[in-house]
Amino acid sequence: MAKAVKKIVKPGFVRKKYCRLCRNKVKEIDYKEVDFLQRFISERGKILSTRISGNCAKHQRKVSQAIKRARIMALLPFMGE
């Protein structure tokens, strides 16, 4: 019988995600900037979470509010294709 060989996995360096809106000093998030808002929407039309998008809580709230307004104005779809 062969013995099972365990792989030793060393913990890697994980870089902390920084909010790119804070880094670029974005003051306002406009619902009419559809190309910008599509970065924060999945293929199915869902709003990406803070953990995935890397936004801080303050900007995540503003982004989600702008996405919802753009959906109501029919600039963004409620569902993906």
Protein backbone atom coordinates (compact mmCIF):
# COMPACT_ATOMS: atom_id res chain seq x y z
CA MET A 1 0.00 0.00 0.00
CA ALA A 2 1.24 3.44 -0.87
CA LYS A 3 1.19 6.13 1.74
CA ALA A 4 -0.74 9.31 1.06
CA VAL A 5 1.61 12.24 0.67
CA LYS A 6 0.39 15.46 2.22
CA LYS A 7 1.16 18.68 0.47
CA ILE A 8 2.37 21.47 2.67
CA VAL A 9 0.77 24.70 1.56
CA LYS A 10 2.49 27.86 2.71
CA PRO A 11 0.23 30.80 3.40
CA GLY A 12 0.56 33.34 0.60
CA PHE A 13 0.64 37.08 0.73
CA VAL A 14 -2.82 38.51 0.13
CA ARG A 15 -2.91 42.14 -0.89
CA LYS A 16 -5.65 44.20 0.72
CA LYS A 17 -8.17 45.57 -1.73
CA TYR A 18 -8.47 49.32 -1.68
CA CYS A 19 -11.49 51.23 -2.82
CA ARG A 20 -10.62 52.57 -6.26
CA LEU A 21 -13.20 55.31 -5.84
CA CYS A 22 -11.39 56.57 -2.73
CA ARG A 23 -8.04 56.24 -4.48
CA ASN A 24 -9.23 58.29 -7.48
CA LYS A 25 -11.05 60.75 -5.19
CA VAL A 26 -14.42 60.35 -6.89
CA LYS A 27 -16.83 62.87 -5.38
CA GLU A 28 -20.09 61.95 -7.12
CA ILE A 29 -21.40 58.80 -8.71
CA ASP A 30 -23.90 59.68 -11.43
CA TYR A 31 -26.59 57.23 -12.53
CA LYS A 32 -26.16 58.41 -16.14
CA GLU A 33 -22.61 57.00 -16.39
CA VAL A 34 -23.70 53.58 -17.60
CA ASP A 35 -20.23 52.35 -18.63
CA PHE A 36 -18.87 53.10 -15.17
CA LEU A 37 -21.78 51.42 -13.37
CA GLN A 38 -21.58 48.25 -15.49
CA ARG A 39 -18.26 47.43 -13.81
CA PHE A 40 -20.19 46.82 -10.61
CA ILE A 41 -22.84 44.54 -12.14
CA SER A 42 -22.49 40.81 -12.82
CA GLU A 43 -23.40 39.14 -16.11
CA ARG A 44 -26.79 38.24 -14.68
CA GLY A 45 -27.50 41.84 -13.70
CA LYS A 46 -26.82 41.54 -9.98
CA ILE A 47 -24.95 44.21 -8.04
CA LEU A 48 -21.51 42.94 -7.02
CA SER A 49 -20.83 42.77 -3.31
CA THR A 50 -18.31 44.95 -1.51
CA ARG A 51 -16.06 41.93 -1.01
CA ILE A 52 -15.81 41.31 -4.75
CA SER A 53 -15.87 44.88 -6.08
CA GLY A 54 -13.44 46.17 -3.44
CA ASN A 55 -15.45 49.29 -2.64
CA CYS A 56 -15.61 50.79 0.81
CA ALA A 57 -19.01 50.82 2.51
CA LYS A 58 -19.66 54.49 1.76
CA HIS A 59 -19.01 54.16 -1.96
CA GLN A 60 -20.79 50.80 -2.19
CA ARG A 61 -23.98 52.46 -0.93
CA LYS A 62 -23.63 55.25 -3.50
CA VAL A 63 -22.91 52.80 -6.34
CA SER A 64 -25.88 50.59 -5.51
CA GLN A 65 -28.17 53.63 -5.28
CA ALA A 66 -26.95 54.87 -8.68
CA ILE A 67 -27.47 51.41 -10.22
CA LYS A 68 -31.01 51.26 -8.89
CA ARG A 69 -31.78 54.71 -10.28
CA ALA A 70 -30.31 53.77 -13.67
CA ARG A 71 -32.47 50.63 -13.74
CA ILE A 72 -35.62 52.65 -13.06
CA MET A 73 -34.68 55.09 -15.85
CA ALA A 74 -34.15 52.05 -18.16
CA LEU A 75 -30.45 52.78 -18.66
CA LEU A 76 -29.43 49.44 -17.11
CA PRO A 77 -31.30 46.13 -17.27
CA PHE A 78 -32.89 44.58 -14.18
CA MET A 79 -31.80 41.14 -15.44
CA GLY A 80 -28.84 40.01 -17.52
CA GLU A 81 -29.17 38.30 -20.84
